C-alpha atoms as a PDB file:
ATOM      1  CA  MET A   1       0.003  -0.031   0.008  1.00  0.00           C
ATOM      2  CA  THR A   2       1.369   3.374  -0.981  1.00  0.00           C
ATOM      3  CA  LEU A   3       0.551   6.725   0.632  1.00  0.00           C
ATOM      4  CA  ASP A   4      -1.864   7.448  -2.191  1.00  0.00           C
ATOM      5  CA  ASP A   5      -3.628   4.148  -1.524  1.00  0.00           C
ATOM      6  CA  LEU A   6      -3.770   4.924   2.157  1.00  0.00           C
ATOM      7  CA  ASN A   7      -5.282   8.398   1.421  1.00  0.00           C
ATOM      8  CA  GLN A   8      -7.908   6.810  -0.746  1.00  0.00           C
ATOM      9  CA  ALA A   9      -8.803   4.202   1.896  1.00  0.00           C
ATOM     10  CA  VAL A  10      -9.181   6.871   4.559  1.00  0.00           C
ATOM     11  CA  ALA A  11     -11.338   8.936   2.193  1.00  0.00           C
ATOM     12  CA  ASN A  12     -13.604   5.967   1.471  1.00  0.00           C
ATOM     13  CA  ALA A  13     -13.822   4.960   5.184  1.00  0.00           C
ATOM     14  CA  THR A  14     -14.748   8.444   6.395  1.00  0.00           C
ATOM     15  CA  GLY A  15     -16.799   9.690   3.446  1.00  0.00           C
ATOM     16  CA  THR A  16     -14.486  12.675   2.926  1.00  0.00           C
ATOM     17  CA  THR A  17     -12.641  13.897  -0.123  1.00  0.00           C
ATOM     18  CA  LYS A  18      -9.305  12.369  -0.931  1.00  0.00           C
ATOM     19  CA  ALA A  19      -7.660  15.802  -0.402  1.00  0.00           C
ATOM     20  CA  GLY A  20      -9.200  16.047   3.085  1.00  0.00           C
ATOM     21  CA  ALA A  21      -8.122  12.541   3.895  1.00  0.00           C
ATOM     22  CA  ALA A  22      -4.613  13.273   2.605  1.00  0.00           C
ATOM     23  CA  LYS A  23      -4.387  16.198   5.072  1.00  0.00           C
ATOM     24  CA  SER A  24      -5.525  13.925   7.939  1.00  0.00           C
ATOM     25  CA  VAL A  25      -3.095  11.195   7.097  1.00  0.00           C
ATOM     26  CA  GLN A  26      -0.214  13.758   6.756  1.00  0.00           C
ATOM     27  CA  ALA A  27      -1.084  15.282  10.103  1.00  0.00           C
ATOM     28  CA  VAL A  28      -0.972  11.837  11.827  1.00  0.00           C
ATOM     29  CA  LEU A  29       2.329  10.995  10.226  1.00  0.00           C
ATOM     30  CA  ALA A  30       3.808  14.335  11.015  1.00  0.00           C
ATOM     31  CA  SER A  31       2.764  13.933  14.705  1.00  0.00           C
ATOM     32  CA  ILE A  32       4.388  10.452  14.868  1.00  0.00           C
ATOM     33  CA  GLN A  33       7.584  11.859  13.278  1.00  0.00           C
ATOM     34  CA  GLU A  34       7.692  14.863  15.707  1.00  0.00           C
ATOM     35  CA  ALA A  35       7.231  12.609  18.757  1.00  0.00           C
ATOM     36  CA  LEU A  36       9.940  10.216  17.564  1.00  0.00           C
ATOM     37  CA  THR A  37      12.337  13.049  16.891  1.00  0.00           C
ATOM     38  CA  LYS A  38      11.799  14.071  20.523  1.00  0.00           C
ATOM     39  CA  LYS A  39      12.578  10.399  21.495  1.00  0.00           C
ATOM     40  CA  GLU A  40       9.076   9.925  22.799  1.00  0.00           C
ATOM     41  CA  LYS A  41       7.290   6.609  22.608  1.00  0.00           C
ATOM     42  CA  VAL A  42       4.143   6.566  20.384  1.00  0.00           C
ATOM     43  CA  SER A  43       1.582   4.010  21.483  1.00  0.00           C
ATOM     44  CA  ILE A  44      -1.507   3.450  19.365  1.00  0.00           C
ATOM     45  CA  ALA A  45      -3.867   1.058  21.108  1.00  0.00           C
ATOM     46  CA  GLY A  46      -4.661  -2.041  19.136  1.00  0.00           C
ATOM     47  CA  PHE A  47      -2.027  -1.195  16.446  1.00  0.00           C
ATOM     48  CA  GLY A  48       1.422  -1.006  18.110  1.00  0.00           C
ATOM     49  CA  VAL A  49       4.213   0.991  19.627  1.00  0.00           C
ATOM     50  CA  PHE A  50       6.800   3.150  17.849  1.00  0.00           C
ATOM     51  CA  GLU A  51       9.991   3.988  19.832  1.00  0.00           C
ATOM     52  CA  THR A  52      13.560   5.074  19.273  1.00  0.00           C
ATOM     53  CA  VAL A  53      16.585   2.981  20.187  1.00  0.00           C
ATOM     54  CA  ASP A  54      20.082   4.364  20.511  1.00  0.00           C
ATOM     55  CA  ARG A  55      22.734   2.290  18.781  1.00  0.00           C
ATOM     56  CA  PRO A  56      26.222   2.880  20.122  1.00  0.00           C
ATOM     57  CA  ALA A  57      29.251   3.331  17.850  1.00  0.00           C
ATOM     58  CA  ARG A  58      31.027   0.102  17.066  1.00  0.00           C
ATOM     59  CA  ASP A  59      33.674  -1.461  15.012  1.00  0.00           C
ATOM     60  CA  GLY A  60      32.704  -3.249  11.767  1.00  0.00           C
ATOM     61  CA  ARG A  61      34.504  -5.090   9.071  1.00  0.00           C
ATOM     62  CA  ASN A  62      34.507  -4.423   5.286  1.00  0.00           C
ATOM     63  CA  PRO A  63      33.662  -7.879   3.784  1.00  0.00           C
ATOM     64  CA  GLN A  64      35.624  -7.302   0.623  1.00  0.00           C
ATOM     65  CA  THR A  65      38.896  -6.176   2.165  1.00  0.00           C
ATOM     66  CA  GLY A  66      38.622  -7.416   5.729  1.00  0.00           C
ATOM     67  CA  GLN A  67      39.549  -3.904   6.907  1.00  0.00           C
ATOM     68  CA  THR A  68      38.136  -2.754  10.284  1.00  0.00           C
ATOM     69  CA  ILE A  69      35.989   0.379   9.984  1.00  0.00           C
ATOM     70  CA  LYS A  70      34.219   2.553  12.565  1.00  0.00           C
ATOM     71  CA  ILE A  71      30.385   2.564  12.456  1.00  0.00           C
ATOM     72  CA  ALA A  72      28.979   5.768  13.904  1.00  0.00           C
ATOM     73  CA  ALA A  73      26.388   5.834  16.595  1.00  0.00           C
ATOM     74  CA  SER A  74      22.834   6.241  15.337  1.00  0.00           C
ATOM     75  CA  THR A  75      19.224   6.252  16.453  1.00  0.00           C
ATOM     76  CA  ALA A  76      16.952   3.557  14.986  1.00  0.00           C
ATOM     77  CA  ILE A  77      13.148   3.280  15.064  1.00  0.00           C
ATOM     78  CA  LYS A  78      11.592   0.183  16.465  1.00  0.00           C
ATOM     79  CA  PHE A  79       7.985  -0.935  16.012  1.00  0.00           C
ATOM     80  CA  LYS A  80       6.236  -3.571  18.127  1.00  0.00           C
ATOM     81  CA  PRO A  81       2.881  -4.560  16.810  1.00  0.00           C
ATOM     82  CA  GLY A  82      -0.079  -4.713  19.198  1.00  0.00           C
ATOM     83  CA  LYS A  83      -2.012  -7.941  19.918  1.00  0.00           C
ATOM     84  CA  THR A  84      -5.022  -6.875  17.702  1.00  0.00           C
ATOM     85  CA  LEU A  85      -2.741  -6.258  14.752  1.00  0.00           C
ATOM     86  CA  ARG A  86      -0.785  -9.525  15.247  1.00  0.00           C
ATOM     87  CA  ASP A  87      -4.055 -11.485  15.525  1.00  0.00           C
ATOM     88  CA  LYS A  88      -5.497  -9.926  12.263  1.00  0.00           C
ATOM     89  CA  VAL A  89      -2.245 -10.622  10.364  1.00  0.00           C
ATOM     90  CA  ASN A  90      -2.108 -14.163  11.606  1.00  0.00           C
ATOM     91  CA  ALA A  91      -5.763 -14.977  10.997  1.00  0.00           C
END
């Protein structure tokens, strides 16, 4: 499903225009992004939890040359699906 497909599905489910649904979807996504940028946990009941995880700097190895390289510290986003979502996917 693409963003355009999601916008159309929201428009169909709510009976609004596709443009109005696109604004709503964009607002939700922007809110999630903003919260994750602040390293806040985003919990959506029945759907799942988005949270950030700090990955420390570490040594890696170039598989072609075998040379040791430094991998910089980074922040990753982790998603844990909720029970309702897991049950629907596994049905």
